[in-house]
Amino acid sequence: EYDTKVIVYIPPLRSDVPRPYDPIEYSDFKNDIESRSLNSGVRFADFEKLVPGPLWGTKDSTAIKGGQELDFMHFQEKGHLLLGQSVVNEVLEAINDF
């Protein structure tokens, strides 16, 4: 057996506009992931609200009308820096708990 530390996290999700997911299903999903993680002795982090709305991007529309639409999966460089630092902090805490 290896003493491998595992970190499971909820990635950032744009929260300043209505989301493309059913709110109850998404909340149930998050709660299930957190519960499974903690019951397995795995470190859990929720970064869902980490990246503010203005740091998110847009993408080509999937509708016939074309144009741009909000992108719920990709954020700009500053958002990546926020996420990267948060992941580093979680890793450092996991190492300190080792």
N, C-alpha and C. Protein backbone atom coordinates (compact mmCIF):
# COMPACT_ATOMS: atom_id res chain seq x y z
N GLU A 1 0.84 -1.19 0.00
CA GLU A 1 0.00 0.00 0.00
C GLU A 1 0.88 1.24 0.00
N TYR A 2 0.46 2.22 -0.74
CA TYR A 2 1.16 3.50 -0.81
C TYR A 2 0.40 4.53 0.00
N ASP A 3 1.12 5.43 0.60
CA ASP A 3 0.48 6.54 1.31
C ASP A 3 0.27 7.70 0.33
N THR A 4 -0.58 7.47 -0.63
CA THR A 4 -0.86 8.47 -1.64
C THR A 4 -1.99 9.37 -1.17
N LYS A 5 -1.77 10.66 -1.24
CA LYS A 5 -2.80 11.63 -0.89
C LYS A 5 -3.60 11.95 -2.15
N VAL A 6 -4.90 11.97 -2.02
CA VAL A 6 -5.78 12.28 -3.14
C VAL A 6 -6.60 13.50 -2.77
N ILE A 7 -6.73 14.42 -3.72
CA ILE A 7 -7.56 15.60 -3.54
C ILE A 7 -8.63 15.58 -4.63
N VAL A 8 -9.87 15.59 -4.22
CA VAL A 8 -10.99 15.68 -5.15
C VAL A 8 -11.54 17.09 -5.01
N TYR A 9 -11.77 17.75 -6.15
CA TYR A 9 -12.32 19.10 -6.04
C TYR A 9 -13.42 19.36 -7.05
N ILE A 10 -14.29 20.27 -6.65
CA ILE A 10 -15.32 20.78 -7.54
C ILE A 10 -14.69 21.96 -8.27
N PRO A 11 -14.66 21.93 -9.59
CA PRO A 11 -14.02 23.01 -10.34
C PRO A 11 -14.86 24.29 -10.31
N PRO A 12 -14.24 25.40 -10.65
CA PRO A 12 -14.99 26.66 -10.72
C PRO A 12 -16.15 26.55 -11.71
N LEU A 13 -17.21 27.27 -11.36
CA LEU A 13 -18.38 27.34 -12.22
C LEU A 13 -18.89 28.77 -12.15
N ARG A 14 -19.15 29.33 -13.30
CA ARG A 14 -19.63 30.71 -13.34
C ARG A 14 -20.90 30.82 -12.52
N SER A 15 -20.94 31.83 -11.61
CA SER A 15 -22.07 31.93 -10.70
C SER A 15 -22.78 33.27 -10.73
N ASP A 16 -22.38 34.15 -11.65
CA ASP A 16 -23.01 35.47 -11.70
C ASP A 16 -24.19 35.53 -12.67
N VAL A 17 -24.48 34.42 -13.32
CA VAL A 17 -25.60 34.31 -14.26
C VAL A 17 -26.26 32.94 -14.04
N PRO A 18 -27.50 32.77 -14.51
CA PRO A 18 -28.13 31.45 -14.36
C PRO A 18 -27.27 30.36 -15.01
N ARG A 19 -27.16 29.25 -14.32
CA ARG A 19 -26.31 28.15 -14.78
C ARG A 19 -27.08 27.20 -15.70
N PRO A 20 -26.35 26.48 -16.54
CA PRO A 20 -27.02 25.56 -17.47
C PRO A 20 -27.37 24.20 -16.84
N TYR A 21 -27.35 24.13 -15.52
CA TYR A 21 -27.64 22.88 -14.83
C TYR A 21 -28.85 23.05 -13.93
N ASP A 22 -29.57 21.96 -13.70
CA ASP A 22 -30.65 21.97 -12.73
C ASP A 22 -30.03 22.19 -11.35
N PRO A 23 -30.45 23.24 -10.62
CA PRO A 23 -29.80 23.56 -9.34
C PRO A 23 -29.87 22.44 -8.31
N ILE A 24 -30.97 21.74 -8.24
CA ILE A 24 -31.11 20.66 -7.25
C ILE A 24 -30.21 19.48 -7.62
N GLU A 25 -30.20 19.11 -8.91
CA GLU A 25 -29.34 18.01 -9.35
C GLU A 25 -27.86 18.35 -9.13
N TYR A 26 -27.49 19.60 -9.43
CA TYR A 26 -26.09 20.01 -9.26
C TYR A 26 -25.70 19.98 -7.78
N SER A 27 -26.58 20.46 -6.91
CA SER A 27 -26.31 20.45 -5.48
C SER A 27 -26.20 19.01 -4.97
N ASP A 28 -27.09 18.14 -5.43
CA ASP A 28 -27.03 16.73 -5.04
C ASP A 28 -25.71 16.09 -5.50
N PHE A 29 -25.30 16.43 -6.73
CA PHE A 29 -24.03 15.92 -7.27
C PHE A 29 -22.86 16.34 -6.38
N LYS A 30 -22.80 17.63 -6.05
CA LYS A 30 -21.71 18.14 -5.22
C LYS A 30 -21.71 17.47 -3.85
N ASN A 31 -22.89 17.35 -3.23
CA ASN A 31 -22.98 16.72 -1.92
C ASN A 31 -22.54 15.26 -1.97
N ASP A 32 -22.90 14.56 -3.04
CA ASP A 32 -22.51 13.16 -3.21
C ASP A 32 -20.99 13.04 -3.34
N ILE A 33 -20.39 13.91 -4.14
CA ILE A 33 -18.93 13.87 -4.32
C ILE A 33 -18.22 14.17 -3.00
N GLU A 34 -18.70 15.17 -2.29
CA GLU A 34 -18.08 15.50 -1.00
C GLU A 34 -18.22 14.35 -0.01
N SER A 35 -19.40 13.79 0.08
CA SER A 35 -19.64 12.69 1.00
C SER A 35 -18.77 11.47 0.67
N ARG A 36 -18.72 11.11 -0.60
CA ARG A 36 -17.89 9.96 -1.00
C ARG A 36 -16.42 10.23 -0.71
N SER A 37 -15.98 11.46 -0.95
CA SER A 37 -14.58 11.81 -0.69
C SER A 37 -14.25 11.67 0.78
N LEU A 38 -15.05 12.31 1.61
CA LEU A 38 -14.78 12.31 3.04
C LEU A 38 -14.90 10.91 3.64
N ASN A 39 -15.87 10.13 3.16
CA ASN A 39 -16.02 8.75 3.65
C ASN A 39 -14.87 7.85 3.23
N SER A 40 -14.15 8.24 2.20
CA SER A 40 -13.01 7.46 1.71
C SER A 40 -11.69 7.98 2.25
N GLY A 41 -11.73 9.00 3.08
CA GLY A 41 -10.50 9.58 3.61
C GLY A 41 -9.76 10.43 2.60
N VAL A 42 -10.49 10.90 1.61
CA VAL A 42 -9.90 11.71 0.55
C VAL A 42 -10.17 13.19 0.85
N ARG A 43 -9.19 13.99 0.61
CA ARG A 43 -9.33 15.43 0.82
C ARG A 43 -10.29 16.01 -0.22
N PHE A 44 -11.20 16.88 0.21
CA PHE A 44 -12.19 17.48 -0.68
C PHE A 44 -12.08 19.00 -0.64
N ALA A 45 -12.16 19.63 -1.81
CA ALA A 45 -12.13 21.09 -1.90
C ALA A 45 -13.21 21.53 -2.88
N ASP A 46 -13.87 22.62 -2.54
CA ASP A 46 -14.92 23.17 -3.40
C ASP A 46 -14.45 24.52 -3.93
N PHE A 47 -14.08 24.55 -5.21
CA PHE A 47 -13.61 25.78 -5.84
C PHE A 47 -14.68 26.42 -6.72
N GLU A 48 -15.91 25.97 -6.55
CA GLU A 48 -17.01 26.39 -7.43
C GLU A 48 -17.10 27.91 -7.57
N LYS A 49 -17.00 28.64 -6.48
CA LYS A 49 -17.21 30.10 -6.52
C LYS A 49 -15.90 30.88 -6.57
N LEU A 50 -14.83 30.23 -6.89
CA LEU A 50 -13.50 30.84 -6.86
C LEU A 50 -13.29 31.92 -7.92
N VAL A 51 -13.75 31.68 -9.13
CA VAL A 51 -13.47 32.59 -10.25
C VAL A 51 -14.66 33.53 -10.46
N PRO A 52 -14.45 34.85 -10.28
CA PRO A 52 -15.55 35.79 -10.45
C PRO A 52 -16.00 35.89 -11.92
N GLY A 53 -17.26 36.26 -12.11
CA GLY A 53 -17.87 36.35 -13.44
C GLY A 53 -17.06 37.05 -14.51
N PRO A 54 -16.49 38.22 -14.21
CA PRO A 54 -15.76 38.93 -15.26
C PRO A 54 -14.53 38.19 -15.79
N LEU A 55 -14.07 37.17 -15.08
CA LEU A 55 -12.89 36.43 -15.53
C LEU A 55 -13.24 35.22 -16.40
N TRP A 56 -14.53 35.05 -16.69
CA TRP A 56 -14.96 33.95 -17.55
C TRP A 56 -14.98 34.41 -18.99
N GLY A 57 -15.02 33.45 -19.90
CA GLY A 57 -14.98 33.77 -21.31
C GLY A 57 -16.31 33.61 -22.02
N THR A 58 -16.26 33.75 -23.32
CA THR A 58 -17.40 33.48 -24.18
C THR A 58 -16.94 32.49 -25.24
N LYS A 59 -17.91 31.95 -25.96
CA LYS A 59 -17.58 31.00 -27.02
C LYS A 59 -18.54 31.22 -28.17
N ASP A 60 -18.20 30.64 -29.31
CA ASP A 60 -19.11 30.71 -30.45
C ASP A 60 -20.42 30.06 -30.07
N SER A 61 -21.49 30.65 -30.51
CA SER A 61 -22.82 30.16 -30.20
C SER A 61 -23.06 28.78 -30.79
N THR A 62 -23.85 28.00 -30.06
CA THR A 62 -24.29 26.71 -30.58
C THR A 62 -25.67 26.83 -31.22
N ALA A 63 -26.25 28.04 -31.17
CA ALA A 63 -27.56 28.28 -31.76
C ALA A 63 -27.40 28.71 -33.23
N ILE A 64 -28.45 28.57 -33.98
CA ILE A 64 -28.42 28.92 -35.40
C ILE A 64 -28.13 30.40 -35.59
N LYS A 65 -28.58 31.25 -34.66
CA LYS A 65 -28.39 32.70 -34.81
C LYS A 65 -26.93 33.12 -34.79
N GLY A 66 -26.05 32.27 -34.27
CA GLY A 66 -24.62 32.58 -34.24
C GLY A 66 -24.27 33.56 -33.13
N GLY A 67 -23.12 34.20 -33.26
CA GLY A 67 -22.66 35.15 -32.26
C GLY A 67 -21.90 34.47 -31.14
N GLN A 68 -21.81 35.17 -30.03
CA GLN A 68 -21.09 34.67 -28.85
C GLN A 68 -22.09 34.35 -27.74
N GLU A 69 -21.72 33.38 -26.91
CA GLU A 69 -22.52 33.06 -25.72
C GLU A 69 -21.58 32.79 -24.56
N LEU A 70 -22.13 32.82 -23.36
CA LEU A 70 -21.32 32.60 -22.17
C LEU A 70 -20.72 31.21 -22.18
N ASP A 71 -19.50 31.12 -21.71
CA ASP A 71 -18.80 29.84 -21.63
C ASP A 71 -18.70 29.46 -20.15
N PHE A 72 -19.32 28.36 -19.77
CA PHE A 72 -19.32 27.92 -18.38
C PHE A 72 -18.17 26.97 -18.08
N MET A 73 -17.31 26.71 -19.04
CA MET A 73 -16.22 25.76 -18.84
C MET A 73 -14.83 26.39 -18.86
N HIS A 74 -14.71 27.58 -19.42
CA HIS A 74 -13.38 28.17 -19.60
C HIS A 74 -13.32 29.58 -19.05
N PHE A 75 -12.24 29.86 -18.35
CA PHE A 75 -12.05 31.20 -17.82
C PHE A 75 -10.70 31.73 -18.27
N GLN A 76 -10.49 33.01 -18.01
CA GLN A 76 -9.30 33.71 -18.49
C GLN A 76 -8.08 33.44 -17.60
N GLU A 77 -6.96 33.98 -18.02
CA GLU A 77 -5.68 33.72 -17.35
C GLU A 77 -5.74 33.97 -15.85
N LYS A 78 -6.33 35.08 -15.42
CA LYS A 78 -6.38 35.39 -13.98
C LYS A 78 -7.18 34.33 -13.22
N GLY A 79 -8.20 33.77 -13.87
CA GLY A 79 -8.96 32.69 -13.25
C GLY A 79 -8.10 31.44 -13.08
N HIS A 80 -7.26 31.16 -14.08
CA HIS A 80 -6.35 30.02 -13.98
C HIS A 80 -5.34 30.23 -12.86
N LEU A 81 -4.89 31.47 -12.69
CA LEU A 81 -3.95 31.75 -11.60
C LEU A 81 -4.62 31.52 -10.24
N LEU A 82 -5.88 31.96 -10.11
CA LEU A 82 -6.62 31.73 -8.86
C LEU A 82 -6.77 30.23 -8.58
N LEU A 83 -7.17 29.49 -9.60
CA LEU A 83 -7.34 28.05 -9.42
C LEU A 83 -6.01 27.37 -9.12
N GLY A 84 -4.98 27.73 -9.85
CA GLY A 84 -3.67 27.13 -9.63
C GLY A 84 -3.18 27.35 -8.20
N GLN A 85 -3.32 28.57 -7.70
CA GLN A 85 -2.87 28.86 -6.34
C GLN A 85 -3.70 28.10 -5.31
N SER A 86 -4.98 27.97 -5.57
CA SER A 86 -5.85 27.23 -4.66
C SER A 86 -5.49 25.75 -4.63
N VAL A 87 -5.18 25.18 -5.78
CA VAL A 87 -4.77 23.78 -5.83
C VAL A 87 -3.43 23.60 -5.11
N VAL A 88 -2.50 24.52 -5.33
CA VAL A 88 -1.21 24.46 -4.63
C VAL A 88 -1.43 24.51 -3.12
N ASN A 89 -2.31 25.39 -2.66
CA ASN A 89 -2.59 25.48 -1.22
C ASN A 89 -3.14 24.16 -0.68
N GLU A 90 -4.03 23.53 -1.43
CA GLU A 90 -4.58 22.24 -1.00
C GLU A 90 -3.49 21.17 -0.94
N VAL A 91 -2.61 21.16 -1.94
CA VAL A 91 -1.51 20.19 -1.95
C VAL A 91 -0.59 20.42 -0.76
N LEU A 92 -0.25 21.67 -0.49
CA LEU A 92 0.61 21.97 0.65
C LEU A 92 -0.03 21.55 1.97
N GLU A 93 -1.32 21.79 2.11
CA GLU A 93 -2.02 21.36 3.32
C GLU A 93 -2.02 19.84 3.44
N ALA A 94 -2.21 19.15 2.31
CA ALA A 94 -2.19 17.69 2.33
C ALA A 94 -0.81 17.17 2.73
N ILE A 95 0.22 17.82 2.23
CA ILE A 95 1.59 17.43 2.61
C ILE A 95 1.82 17.65 4.09
N ASN A 96 1.35 18.78 4.60
CA ASN A 96 1.51 19.08 6.03
C ASN A 96 0.76 18.10 6.91
N ASP A 97 -0.35 17.55 6.39
CA ASP A 97 -1.13 16.57 7.15
C ASP A 97 -0.52 15.17 7.08
N PHE A 98 0.49 15.01 6.23
CA PHE A 98 1.08 13.70 5.97
C PHE A 98 1.79 13.16 7.17
